[in-house]
Amino acid sequence: MVTAKAMFSQFAVFNPAEFEKNEGLLMTWAYEPGLDTLMANITKVAQQTAKVWISYNPENTAVDTIIIRDFILSQGASSDNLFFIPALNETSWIRDFGPNVLYGNFGQGNQRYLLDMRYSGYGRPNDDSFPVQLSGLWGWTRVDLDLEAEGGNLLFDGLTRGFATTRIQQQNPELSASMIRNMLIDKFNLMDFTFLQSLTNSGGGNWQHADMFMKVLDYETLLVSSYPDSLPYHNILEFNIMILEGLSNHFNKPYRIIRIPAPPKADGTFAISQNDEMRTYTNSLIINNTIIVPSYGISSYDDQAAQIYTEAMPGYKIIMVDARYISQINGGIRRITKEVPAPLFMRIIHRKVTGVQEYSPEMYLYSNCESNSGIQGMWLYYKVNDEEKYNKVPVYMACPQNIGIIENLKPGDKVSYYLEGVSAGGATMTYPGGAPAANFTFWYESVVGNESIIAHRSDLRLIPISNTGNFILSGSNLPETGIIQVIDLSGQLLYQANVHANSVIDSNLKAGVYIVNFLSGNSRFTSKLLVVN
């Protein structure tokens, strides 16, 4: 085990979001039938897409691992991707006391390390020391954050912002809100941190965590509970919605906010005191291509929640697990699990294109890909309308953004797509993480304003002249005159002129990939141009 204090300063931090690629998840065994059954059911789902590590009491090594394994198998799980680690703890709330796993560069490239916050307010020293124990077991660097905080009250969009309720301010009365914000921004490498109002009298005990009413689904999307307006905390939640609506994501756009009705208790009523039962669908777990969502035996609510997740995260496996037992003890599925990011840091940053779009015969999809081992290449996979198989085209590695192009689109087309990055070491990463089943989908109206423009592609040929970026327009069906446009991969118009077909274009371009349009009347002829200087 190595602490950051024993090394030279850390100089790079990447804070992965829950929805990014994970190696697996951690749970601490409860030795209590109700929670153990829930953990076994979570294991059964999660082990299909990731590793599951279960912490057991090291004082009974042989007995514990055999008994725990047999119990998990009796609930329908398997031994696949199932691992055990010896560590002492008093409770199973590993989301709260467990470490945040980030990537940091301590001089030997980006590696996973543990960020350890204080958890000293409950008199549970084994829980508080769990990150120290794990650091020793796995040999990972551990960095201290001198802040009393619980992981269930920390949410991140992966790129720009973190969220928590004002409970974190109550836990650290010696610090101002701005001091807490600055500490979180610094340690998690954020641009900003947003404090939301705690939902007092909403049930769920004194924790008042943000994940009990909110979840980050991707870089751009937030899922937030909704409650009947008769409840005393309804207005507090709607005030939080106003805060969220005023924020910008990494792409300098408002977050998309999806509402999901929270379910009532078994008797049909909702909590009106802080210590009452709080049921929620936002305390779920995203683990690679699967989302484990709590269910409560109320079909009208459970079915609606499953549908909302399905529509918000198309292609992901939405698996509901009975959470009635844990909600009665003020917990949730997310609270007893802690994801562990993949060994290789790699992410695709992309503003997704979804829903109805203004018609264009080609769609430009911009992205960036980051990896601690370098990027070998990127690919765009797409299918149009009823195509069963994805088409695969390269993503051009340009600066400041990479670009993938979907061509020959027509009014009325519906397109599903995803992006893949390949590291220098051969590892792959997709966005969305559940691809290829998961994807982003956009479509055009059947009748659009530019429908009169006819797009031609095969009729335009560009004949390069040496390596200067100059070329000759050629094509058997080109009109005699028109307008030539040269556009770079960021969409910027670099060159435009009135020209004759088959004339020499002196564009004097730098090395790169460009789009060339020849416009004449209601026709547009388009081709790509590769310049190598």
Protein backbone atom coordinates (compact mmCIF):
# COMPACT_ATOMS: atom_id res chain seq x y z
CA MET A 1 0.00 0.00 0.00
CA VAL A 2 1.32 3.41 -0.96
CA THR A 3 -0.09 6.71 0.14
CA ALA A 4 0.18 9.84 -1.95
CA LYS A 5 2.12 11.50 0.84
CA ALA A 6 4.92 8.97 0.34
CA MET A 7 5.29 9.92 -3.30
CA PHE A 8 5.88 13.05 -5.31
CA SER A 9 2.88 15.16 -6.19
CA GLN A 10 0.09 13.83 -8.30
CA PHE A 11 -0.29 15.90 -11.47
CA ALA A 12 -3.25 14.45 -13.38
CA VAL A 13 -6.69 13.28 -12.28
CA PHE A 14 -9.50 11.63 -14.24
CA ASN A 15 -12.72 11.05 -12.36
CA PRO A 16 -14.82 8.40 -14.14
CA ALA A 17 -18.60 8.46 -13.97
CA GLU A 18 -20.64 5.43 -12.96
CA PHE A 19 -21.84 4.91 -16.54
CA GLU A 20 -18.31 4.63 -17.95
CA LYS A 21 -16.49 1.32 -18.39
CA ASN A 22 -16.05 -0.66 -15.18
CA GLU A 23 -14.06 -3.74 -14.28
CA GLY A 24 -16.54 -4.71 -11.59
CA LEU A 25 -18.19 -3.81 -8.32
CA LEU A 26 -17.55 -4.21 -4.61
CA MET A 27 -19.97 -5.33 -1.89
CA THR A 28 -19.44 -6.06 1.81
CA TRP A 29 -21.26 -9.16 3.02
CA ALA A 30 -23.92 -8.39 5.63
CA TYR A 31 -24.31 -11.79 7.37
CA GLU A 32 -28.00 -10.95 7.51
CA PRO A 33 -30.51 -12.92 5.38
CA GLY A 34 -32.45 -10.00 3.92
CA LEU A 35 -29.42 -8.05 2.71
CA ASP A 36 -27.52 -11.19 1.73
CA THR A 37 -30.38 -12.25 -0.55
CA LEU A 38 -30.36 -8.84 -2.23
CA MET A 39 -26.58 -9.03 -2.71
CA ALA A 40 -26.88 -12.48 -4.23
CA ASN A 41 -29.50 -11.19 -6.67
CA ILE A 42 -27.30 -8.22 -7.58
CA THR A 43 -24.36 -10.60 -8.09
CA LYS A 44 -26.46 -12.79 -10.39
CA VAL A 45 -27.08 -9.80 -12.67
CA ALA A 46 -23.76 -7.98 -12.44
CA GLN A 47 -21.52 -11.01 -13.02
CA GLN A 48 -22.88 -11.25 -16.56
CA THR A 49 -20.99 -8.07 -17.47
CA ALA A 50 -18.37 -7.46 -14.74
CA LYS A 51 -16.46 -8.88 -11.82
CA VAL A 52 -18.04 -8.97 -8.38
CA TRP A 53 -15.82 -8.69 -5.30
CA ILE A 54 -17.42 -9.55 -1.96
CA SER A 55 -15.69 -8.55 1.25
CA TYR A 56 -15.93 -11.12 4.06
CA ASN A 57 -14.82 -11.32 7.67
CA PRO A 58 -11.17 -12.45 7.57
CA GLU A 59 -11.42 -14.05 11.01
CA ASN A 60 -13.39 -16.98 9.54
CA THR A 61 -11.70 -17.27 6.17
CA ALA A 62 -12.48 -20.83 5.05
CA VAL A 63 -15.95 -20.98 6.55
CA ASP A 64 -17.03 -17.58 5.26
CA THR A 65 -16.04 -17.99 1.62
CA ILE A 66 -17.64 -21.44 1.37
CA ILE A 67 -20.87 -20.39 3.08
CA ILE A 68 -21.17 -17.14 1.15
CA ARG A 69 -20.45 -18.81 -2.19
CA ASP A 70 -22.98 -21.58 -1.53
CA PHE A 71 -25.63 -19.06 -0.55
CA ILE A 72 -25.03 -16.96 -3.68
CA LEU A 73 -25.21 -20.06 -5.88
CA SER A 74 -28.47 -21.12 -4.18
CA GLN A 75 -30.03 -17.85 -5.39
CA GLY A 76 -29.31 -18.65 -9.03
CA ALA A 77 -25.94 -16.95 -9.48
CA SER A 78 -22.79 -18.75 -10.65
CA SER A 79 -19.11 -18.80 -9.76
CA ASP A 80 -18.25 -16.78 -12.86
CA ASN A 81 -16.62 -13.41 -12.14
CA LEU A 82 -17.11 -13.97 -8.39
CA PHE A 83 -14.22 -13.08 -6.06
CA PHE A 84 -13.72 -12.64 -2.32
CA ILE A 85 -11.53 -10.25 -0.37
CA PRO A 86 -10.86 -10.31 3.41
CA ALA A 87 -11.64 -6.99 5.12
CA LEU A 88 -13.31 -5.95 8.34
CA ASN A 89 -16.42 -3.81 8.31
CA GLU A 90 -19.45 -3.16 10.51
CA THR A 91 -22.11 -2.49 7.83
CA SER A 92 -22.83 -3.03 4.14
CA TRP A 93 -23.12 0.65 3.19
CA ILE A 94 -20.00 0.46 1.04
CA ARG A 95 -21.15 3.28 -1.23
CA ASP A 96 -20.82 5.60 1.73
CA PHE A 97 -17.59 4.46 3.40
CA GLY A 98 -15.85 2.81 0.46
CA PRO A 99 -13.23 4.67 -1.56
CA ASN A 100 -13.84 6.57 -4.77
CA VAL A 101 -11.67 5.03 -7.50
CA LEU A 102 -10.06 7.55 -9.83
CA TYR A 103 -7.21 7.56 -12.34
CA GLY A 104 -4.13 9.55 -11.45
CA ASN A 105 -0.65 10.06 -12.80
CA PHE A 106 1.95 9.87 -10.06
CA GLY A 107 4.84 9.75 -12.50
CA GLN A 108 4.30 6.34 -14.06
CA GLY A 109 1.28 6.99 -16.26
CA ASN A 110 -2.38 7.01 -15.31
CA GLN A 111 -3.28 4.32 -12.82
CA ARG A 112 -6.23 3.62 -10.56
CA TYR A 113 -6.01 4.96 -7.03
CA LEU A 114 -8.29 5.30 -4.00
CA LEU A 115 -9.61 8.63 -2.77
CA ASP A 116 -10.43 8.20 0.91
CA MET A 117 -12.84 10.60 2.63
CA ARG A 118 -13.53 10.68 6.37
CA TYR A 119 -16.37 8.50 7.70
CA SER A 120 -15.89 9.10 11.40
CA GLY A 121 -19.30 10.31 12.49
CA TYR A 122 -20.84 6.90 13.20
CA GLY A 123 -18.36 5.23 15.52
CA ARG A 124 -17.64 2.44 13.03
CA PRO A 125 -13.84 2.30 12.74
CA ASN A 126 -13.77 -0.79 10.50
CA ASP A 127 -16.05 0.86 7.97
CA ASP A 128 -13.96 4.03 8.12
CA SER A 129 -10.76 2.03 7.58
CA PHE A 130 -12.06 -0.01 4.64
CA PRO A 131 -10.23 2.10 2.01
CA VAL A 132 -6.99 1.61 3.96
CA GLN A 133 -7.58 -2.14 4.10
CA LEU A 134 -8.38 -2.29 0.38
CA SER A 135 -5.33 -0.21 -0.49
CA GLY A 136 -3.16 -2.72 1.35
CA LEU A 137 -4.84 -5.74 -0.24
CA TRP A 138 -4.63 -4.43 -3.81
CA GLY A 139 -1.44 -2.41 -3.49
CA TRP A 140 -3.09 0.73 -4.82
CA THR A 141 -2.13 4.28 -3.95
CA ARG A 142 -4.49 5.96 -1.51
CA VAL A 143 -5.05 9.72 -1.32
CA ASP A 144 -6.79 11.33 1.67
CA LEU A 145 -9.55 13.90 1.34
CA ASP A 146 -9.92 15.61 4.71
CA LEU A 147 -13.66 15.97 4.40
CA GLU A 148 -16.49 14.16 6.15
CA ALA A 149 -18.65 12.83 3.32
CA GLU A 150 -20.60 9.80 2.19
CA GLY A 151 -20.33 8.37 -1.30
CA GLY A 152 -24.09 8.12 -1.67
CA ASN A 153 -24.25 11.90 -1.55
CA LEU A 154 -21.74 12.39 -4.36
CA LEU A 155 -22.76 12.23 -8.01
CA PHE A 156 -20.57 13.08 -11.02
CA ASP A 157 -21.18 13.63 -14.73
CA GLY A 158 -17.65 12.39 -15.50
CA LEU A 159 -16.40 15.54 -17.20
CA THR A 160 -17.44 18.79 -15.62
CA ARG A 161 -19.60 18.73 -12.53
CA GLY A 162 -20.34 17.05 -9.23
CA PHE A 163 -23.55 17.13 -7.20
CA ALA A 164 -24.41 16.68 -3.52
CA THR A 165 -27.08 17.80 -1.10
CA THR A 166 -26.42 20.39 1.58
CA ARG A 167 -25.98 17.53 4.05
CA ILE A 168 -22.27 17.62 3.24
CA GLN A 169 -22.17 21.18 4.54
CA GLN A 170 -23.88 20.09 7.76
CA GLN A 171 -21.27 17.33 8.19
CA ASN A 172 -18.42 19.84 7.95
CA PRO A 173 -19.58 22.88 9.97
CA GLU A 174 -16.01 24.12 10.37
CA LEU A 175 -15.82 24.71 6.60
CA SER A 176 -17.72 27.20 4.46
CA ALA A 177 -19.71 26.04 1.44
CA SER A 178 -17.13 27.60 -0.88
CA MET A 179 -14.29 25.80 0.91
CA ILE A 180 -16.07 22.45 0.55
CA ARG A 181 -16.79 23.18 -3.10
CA ASN A 182 -13.17 24.05 -3.80
CA MET A 183 -11.91 20.89 -2.07
CA LEU A 184 -14.23 18.71 -4.14
CA ILE A 185 -13.37 20.52 -7.37
CA ASP A 186 -9.67 20.07 -6.68
CA LYS A 187 -9.68 16.41 -5.63
CA PHE A 188 -12.11 15.22 -8.31
CA ASN A 189 -10.77 17.49 -11.08
CA LEU A 190 -14.07 19.25 -11.75
CA MET A 191 -15.04 22.54 -13.31
CA ASP A 192 -17.80 23.14 -10.75
CA PHE A 193 -19.72 21.52 -7.92
CA THR A 194 -23.42 22.06 -7.25
CA PHE A 195 -25.14 21.81 -3.88
CA LEU A 196 -28.81 20.82 -3.91
CA GLN A 197 -31.27 21.17 -1.08
CA SER A 198 -31.79 18.11 1.11
CA LEU A 199 -35.26 16.59 0.95
CA THR A 200 -36.25 16.99 4.58
CA ASN A 201 -39.18 14.85 5.78
CA SER A 202 -38.84 12.61 2.72
CA GLY A 203 -37.86 9.46 4.60
CA GLY A 204 -34.65 7.55 4.17
CA GLY A 205 -33.13 8.42 7.53
CA ASN A 206 -30.75 11.22 8.34
CA TRP A 207 -28.48 10.68 5.31
CA GLN A 208 -30.51 12.81 2.85
CA HIS A 209 -28.33 11.72 -0.06
CA ALA A 210 -28.55 13.08 -3.58
CA ASP A 211 -28.74 9.58 -5.10
CA MET A 212 -32.06 9.00 -3.37
CA PHE A 213 -33.75 11.43 -5.77
CA MET A 214 -31.30 11.86 -8.66
CA LYS A 215 -29.07 9.86 -11.02
CA VAL A 216 -26.59 10.82 -13.75
CA LEU A 217 -27.28 8.70 -16.83
CA ASP A 218 -24.61 10.09 -19.16
CA TYR A 219 -22.57 13.23 -19.79
CA GLU A 220 -25.72 15.14 -20.67
CA THR A 221 -28.66 13.50 -18.91
CA LEU A 222 -30.03 13.60 -15.36
CA LEU A 223 -32.81 11.39 -14.00
CA VAL A 224 -34.73 13.03 -11.15
CA SER A 225 -37.61 11.76 -9.02
CA SER A 226 -41.02 13.40 -8.95
CA TYR A 227 -43.49 13.40 -6.05
CA PRO A 228 -47.13 14.43 -5.58
CA ASP A 229 -47.40 18.16 -4.97
CA SER A 230 -49.21 17.52 -1.68
CA LEU A 231 -46.02 16.32 0.02
CA PRO A 232 -44.04 18.75 2.20
CA TYR A 233 -40.79 18.24 0.25
CA HIS A 234 -42.29 18.53 -3.25
CA ASN A 235 -41.44 22.21 -3.51
CA ILE A 236 -37.87 21.58 -2.31
CA LEU A 237 -37.36 19.07 -5.10
CA GLU A 238 -38.85 21.41 -7.69
CA PHE A 239 -36.49 24.12 -6.45
CA ASN A 240 -33.62 21.69 -7.10
CA ILE A 241 -34.99 21.17 -10.60
CA MET A 242 -34.76 24.91 -11.18
CA ILE A 243 -31.11 24.81 -10.09
CA LEU A 244 -30.36 21.90 -12.42
CA GLU A 245 -32.14 23.56 -15.34
CA GLY A 246 -29.83 26.55 -14.97
CA LEU A 247 -26.64 24.49 -15.27
CA SER A 248 -24.57 23.74 -18.36
CA ASN A 249 -22.92 20.41 -19.11
CA HIS A 250 -19.49 19.79 -20.66
CA PHE A 251 -20.84 20.74 -24.09
CA ASN A 252 -22.08 24.10 -22.77
CA LYS A 253 -25.70 23.00 -23.15
CA PRO A 254 -28.43 22.52 -20.54
CA TYR A 255 -28.67 19.06 -19.05
CA ARG A 256 -31.55 16.97 -20.29
CA ILE A 257 -33.69 16.27 -17.21
CA ILE A 258 -35.95 13.20 -17.18
CA ARG A 259 -38.50 12.80 -14.40
CA ILE A 260 -39.34 9.43 -12.86
CA PRO A 261 -42.22 9.12 -10.37
CA ALA A 262 -41.08 7.78 -6.99
CA PRO A 263 -43.23 4.92 -5.68
CA PRO A 264 -45.25 5.00 -2.46
CA LYS A 265 -44.84 2.66 0.47
CA ALA A 266 -46.71 -0.64 0.58
CA ASP A 267 -49.76 1.05 2.15
CA GLY A 268 -49.96 3.56 -0.72
CA THR A 269 -48.75 6.55 1.30
CA PHE A 270 -45.51 8.52 1.05
CA ALA A 271 -43.13 9.39 3.86
CA ILE A 272 -43.78 12.68 5.65
CA SER A 273 -41.00 12.38 8.25
CA GLN A 274 -37.25 11.96 7.83
CA ASN A 275 -37.09 8.56 9.53
CA ASP A 276 -39.84 6.98 7.44
CA GLU A 277 -39.31 4.59 4.49
CA MET A 278 -38.15 6.24 1.27
CA ARG A 279 -38.61 4.32 -1.96
CA THR A 280 -36.81 5.50 -5.06
CA TYR A 281 -35.89 4.35 -8.56
CA THR A 282 -32.84 6.61 -8.80
CA ASN A 283 -30.82 4.53 -6.30
CA SER A 284 -29.97 2.13 -9.10
CA LEU A 285 -26.63 0.85 -10.41
CA ILE A 286 -25.19 1.20 -13.92
CA ILE A 287 -22.61 -1.49 -14.55
CA ASN A 288 -21.37 -1.52 -18.17
CA ASN A 289 -24.28 -2.60 -20.41
CA THR A 290 -26.70 -3.28 -17.54
CA ILE A 291 -28.78 -1.11 -15.22
CA ILE A 292 -29.97 -2.74 -11.99
CA VAL A 293 -33.13 -0.91 -10.94
CA PRO A 294 -34.98 -1.39 -7.63
CA SER A 295 -38.51 -2.76 -7.72
CA TYR A 296 -41.15 -2.61 -4.99
CA GLY A 297 -43.93 -4.99 -6.01
CA ILE A 298 -46.20 -2.21 -7.32
CA SER A 299 -46.56 -3.08 -10.99
CA SER A 300 -47.98 0.27 -12.12
CA TYR A 301 -44.93 2.10 -10.74
CA ASP A 302 -42.33 -0.61 -11.42
CA ASP A 303 -43.41 -1.02 -15.04
CA GLN A 304 -43.39 2.73 -15.59
CA ALA A 305 -39.88 3.01 -14.10
CA ALA A 306 -38.60 0.22 -16.34
CA GLN A 307 -40.08 1.95 -19.38
CA ILE A 308 -38.52 5.30 -18.48
CA TYR A 309 -35.08 3.68 -18.11
CA THR A 310 -35.57 1.79 -21.38
CA GLU A 311 -36.42 4.96 -23.28
CA ALA A 312 -33.63 6.97 -21.64
CA MET A 313 -30.96 4.28 -22.15
CA PRO A 314 -32.01 2.35 -25.29
CA GLY A 315 -30.29 -1.00 -25.74
CA TYR A 316 -29.14 -1.34 -22.13
CA LYS A 317 -30.31 -4.35 -20.15
CA ILE A 318 -32.79 -3.04 -17.59
CA ILE A 319 -33.00 -5.60 -14.77
CA MET A 320 -35.23 -4.93 -11.79
CA VAL A 321 -34.32 -6.39 -8.40
CA ASP A 322 -36.65 -6.46 -5.40
CA ALA A 323 -35.53 -3.71 -3.00
CA ARG A 324 -38.41 -3.73 -0.53
CA TYR A 325 -36.30 -5.07 2.29
CA ILE A 326 -33.49 -2.55 2.00
CA SER A 327 -35.79 0.46 1.59
CA GLN A 328 -37.24 -0.34 5.03
CA ILE A 329 -33.78 0.11 6.55
CA ASN A 330 -33.13 3.35 4.69
CA GLY A 331 -30.96 1.88 1.94
CA GLY A 332 -30.96 1.17 -1.77
CA ILE A 333 -29.19 -0.87 -4.43
CA ARG A 334 -26.58 1.79 -5.14
CA ARG A 335 -25.83 2.21 -1.46
CA ILE A 336 -24.57 -1.37 -1.01
CA THR A 337 -22.47 -1.42 -4.20
CA LYS A 338 -19.36 0.42 -5.34
CA GLU A 339 -18.13 0.24 -8.94
CA VAL A 340 -14.45 -0.26 -9.80
CA PRO A 341 -13.39 1.39 -13.09
CA ALA A 342 -11.56 -0.56 -15.79
CA PRO A 343 -7.77 -0.94 -15.40
CA LEU A 344 -7.13 1.11 -18.54
CA PHE A 345 -8.30 4.70 -18.50
CA MET A 346 -10.18 5.30 -21.71
CA ARG A 347 -13.22 7.39 -22.57
CA ILE A 348 -15.07 8.74 -25.57
CA ILE A 349 -16.39 12.27 -25.14
CA HIS A 350 -19.25 12.86 -27.54
CA ARG A 351 -22.30 15.08 -27.61
CA LYS A 352 -24.89 12.57 -28.73
CA VAL A 353 -27.21 13.28 -31.63
CA THR A 354 -30.72 12.03 -30.87
CA GLY A 355 -34.29 12.75 -31.86
CA VAL A 356 -35.50 14.64 -34.91
CA GLN A 357 -32.78 16.57 -36.78
CA GLU A 358 -32.71 19.15 -39.55
CA TYR A 359 -32.22 17.27 -42.79
CA SER A 360 -28.80 16.94 -44.35
CA PRO A 361 -27.59 14.15 -46.64
CA GLU A 362 -24.63 13.65 -44.33
CA MET A 363 -24.35 13.73 -40.55
CA TYR A 364 -21.10 14.83 -38.92
CA LEU A 365 -20.50 13.29 -35.50
CA TYR A 366 -17.81 14.95 -33.42
CA SER A 367 -15.94 13.34 -30.54
CA ASN A 368 -12.73 13.07 -28.57
CA CYS A 369 -11.14 9.90 -27.29
CA GLU A 370 -8.75 9.76 -24.35
CA SER A 371 -6.61 6.88 -23.12
CA ASN A 372 -3.58 6.49 -20.90
CA SER A 373 -1.96 4.24 -23.52
CA GLY A 374 -2.67 6.37 -26.59
CA ILE A 375 -5.33 5.96 -29.27
CA GLN A 376 -4.81 3.60 -32.18
CA GLY A 377 -8.01 4.59 -33.95
CA MET A 378 -11.73 5.20 -33.77
CA TRP A 379 -14.73 3.73 -35.58
CA LEU A 380 -18.29 4.81 -36.18
CA TYR A 381 -20.93 2.09 -36.42
CA TYR A 382 -24.35 2.96 -37.83
CA LYS A 383 -27.42 1.41 -39.39
CA VAL A 384 -30.20 3.11 -41.31
CA ASN A 385 -33.90 2.27 -41.04
CA ASP A 386 -34.40 -1.51 -41.07
CA GLU A 387 -30.77 -2.55 -41.54
CA GLU A 388 -29.91 -5.44 -39.23
CA LYS A 389 -26.14 -5.03 -39.25
CA TYR A 390 -24.10 -1.98 -38.44
CA ASN A 391 -22.01 -0.29 -41.12
CA LYS A 392 -18.47 0.44 -39.95
CA VAL A 393 -16.62 3.57 -41.10
CA PRO A 394 -13.44 5.18 -39.74
CA VAL A 395 -13.52 8.24 -37.53
CA TYR A 396 -11.03 10.80 -38.76
CA MET A 397 -8.59 11.75 -36.01
CA ALA A 398 -8.59 15.52 -36.44
CA CYS A 399 -7.89 18.49 -34.21
CA PRO A 400 -9.59 19.88 -32.18
CA GLN A 401 -12.19 17.11 -32.57
CA ASN A 402 -12.42 13.76 -34.29
CA ILE A 403 -15.21 13.34 -36.80
CA GLY A 404 -17.23 10.46 -38.18
CA ILE A 405 -19.45 10.95 -41.23
CA ILE A 406 -22.67 9.14 -42.13
CA GLU A 407 -23.35 9.70 -45.82
CA ASN A 408 -26.15 9.28 -48.38
CA LEU A 409 -28.98 9.98 -45.94
CA LYS A 410 -32.47 10.76 -47.21
CA PRO A 411 -35.52 12.53 -45.77
CA GLY A 412 -37.40 10.14 -43.50
CA ASP A 413 -34.31 8.11 -42.58
CA LYS A 414 -33.84 6.84 -39.02
CA VAL A 415 -30.24 6.24 -37.96
CA SER A 416 -28.85 4.35 -34.95
CA TYR A 417 -25.16 4.65 -34.17
CA TYR A 418 -22.39 4.21 -31.62
CA LEU A 419 -18.68 5.04 -31.40
CA GLU A 420 -15.74 2.78 -30.64
CA GLY A 421 -12.21 3.71 -29.62
CA VAL A 422 -9.22 1.39 -29.82
CA SER A 423 -6.23 2.04 -27.58
CA ALA A 424 -2.63 1.57 -28.65
CA GLY A 425 -2.65 -1.63 -26.62
CA GLY A 426 -5.70 -2.99 -28.43
CA ALA A 427 -8.30 -2.38 -25.71
CA THR A 428 -11.67 -1.10 -26.91
CA MET A 429 -14.21 1.33 -25.51
CA THR A 430 -17.67 2.16 -26.81
CA TYR A 431 -20.03 5.05 -26.26
CA PRO A 432 -22.67 4.42 -25.18
CA GLY A 433 -21.19 1.81 -22.89
CA GLY A 434 -23.90 -0.74 -23.64
CA ALA A 435 -23.09 -0.87 -27.39
CA PRO A 436 -23.67 -2.53 -29.76
CA ALA A 437 -27.11 -3.27 -28.30
CA ALA A 438 -27.20 0.26 -26.91
CA ASN A 439 -26.99 3.14 -29.35
CA PHE A 440 -28.01 6.69 -30.08
CA THR A 441 -30.82 7.27 -32.58
CA PHE A 442 -31.79 10.28 -34.66
CA TRP A 443 -34.17 10.71 -37.59
CA TYR A 444 -35.35 13.14 -40.25
CA GLU A 445 -38.89 14.17 -41.06
CA SER A 446 -40.22 12.66 -44.30
CA VAL A 447 -40.75 16.11 -45.79
CA VAL A 448 -38.15 18.76 -45.05
CA GLY A 449 -37.34 22.28 -46.18
CA ASN A 450 -34.26 21.20 -48.14
CA GLU A 451 -36.01 18.31 -49.86
CA SER A 452 -35.63 20.04 -53.24
CA ILE A 453 -31.84 19.71 -52.98
CA ILE A 454 -30.67 16.57 -54.73
CA ALA A 455 -27.45 15.06 -53.34
CA HIS A 456 -25.05 13.35 -55.73
CA ARG A 457 -21.90 11.54 -54.66
CA SER A 458 -20.67 9.09 -57.26
CA ASP A 459 -20.62 11.79 -59.95
CA LEU A 460 -17.95 13.94 -58.28
CA ARG A 461 -14.28 13.00 -58.49
CA LEU A 462 -11.36 14.95 -57.09
CA ILE A 463 -8.02 14.47 -58.83
CA PRO A 464 -5.18 15.64 -56.55
CA ILE A 465 -2.32 17.63 -58.01
CA SER A 466 0.97 16.62 -56.33
CA ASN A 467 0.75 17.04 -52.53
CA THR A 468 -0.22 20.71 -52.31
CA GLY A 469 -3.93 20.31 -51.62
CA ASN A 470 -4.86 21.49 -55.12
CA PHE A 471 -7.21 19.36 -57.18
CA ILE A 472 -9.27 19.10 -60.36
CA LEU A 473 -13.05 18.78 -60.29
CA SER A 474 -14.12 15.91 -62.49
CA GLY A 475 -17.34 14.04 -63.20
CA SER A 476 -19.37 12.96 -66.20
CA ASN A 477 -22.62 14.52 -64.99
CA LEU A 478 -21.33 17.71 -63.41
CA PRO A 479 -23.08 20.94 -64.47
CA GLU A 480 -20.84 23.36 -66.36
CA THR A 481 -20.71 25.96 -63.58
CA GLY A 482 -21.30 26.05 -59.86
CA ILE A 483 -19.98 27.00 -56.45
CA ILE A 484 -17.13 25.03 -54.90
CA GLN A 485 -16.92 24.78 -51.10
CA VAL A 486 -14.13 23.23 -49.02
CA ILE A 487 -15.06 22.49 -45.40
CA ASP A 488 -12.82 21.12 -42.66
CA LEU A 489 -13.89 18.44 -40.23
CA SER A 490 -14.95 20.97 -37.62
CA GLY A 491 -17.51 22.35 -40.08
CA GLN A 492 -15.58 25.56 -40.89
CA LEU A 493 -15.79 26.86 -44.46
CA LEU A 494 -12.20 27.27 -45.69
CA TYR A 495 -12.68 28.02 -49.37
CA GLN A 496 -15.55 29.06 -51.65
CA ALA A 497 -15.55 30.24 -55.25
CA ASN A 498 -17.55 30.24 -58.49
CA VAL A 499 -15.92 27.71 -60.80
CA HIS A 500 -16.35 25.68 -63.97
CA ALA A 501 -16.47 21.89 -63.92
CA ASN A 502 -13.14 20.20 -64.67
CA SER A 503 -11.28 23.32 -63.56
CA VAL A 504 -8.23 23.37 -61.30
CA ILE A 505 -8.96 24.40 -57.71
CA ASP A 506 -6.05 26.13 -56.04
CA SER A 507 -7.07 25.62 -52.40
CA ASN A 508 -3.57 25.47 -50.88
CA LEU A 509 -4.79 23.25 -48.04
CA LYS A 510 -2.78 21.85 -45.17
CA ALA A 511 -2.57 18.12 -44.51
CA GLY A 512 -5.91 16.72 -43.35
CA VAL A 513 -9.33 15.45 -44.36
CA TYR A 514 -11.85 17.81 -45.96
CA ILE A 515 -15.36 17.81 -47.39
CA VAL A 516 -15.77 19.28 -50.89
CA ASN A 517 -19.19 20.44 -52.11
CA PHE A 518 -20.02 21.48 -55.68
CA LEU A 519 -23.35 23.36 -55.72
CA SER A 520 -25.29 24.05 -58.88
CA GLY A 521 -28.99 24.88 -58.97
CA ASN A 522 -30.82 22.36 -56.79
CA SER A 523 -27.99 19.82 -56.92
CA ARG A 524 -25.15 19.22 -54.52
CA PHE A 525 -22.18 17.01 -55.40
CA THR A 526 -20.07 15.94 -52.42
CA SER A 527 -16.82 14.10 -51.93
CA LYS A 528 -14.07 13.73 -49.31
CA LEU A 529 -10.58 15.03 -49.97
CA LEU A 530 -7.46 13.70 -48.28
CA VAL A 531 -4.42 16.00 -48.38
CA VAL A 532 -0.98 14.71 -47.40
CA ASN A 533 1.73 17.38 -47.41
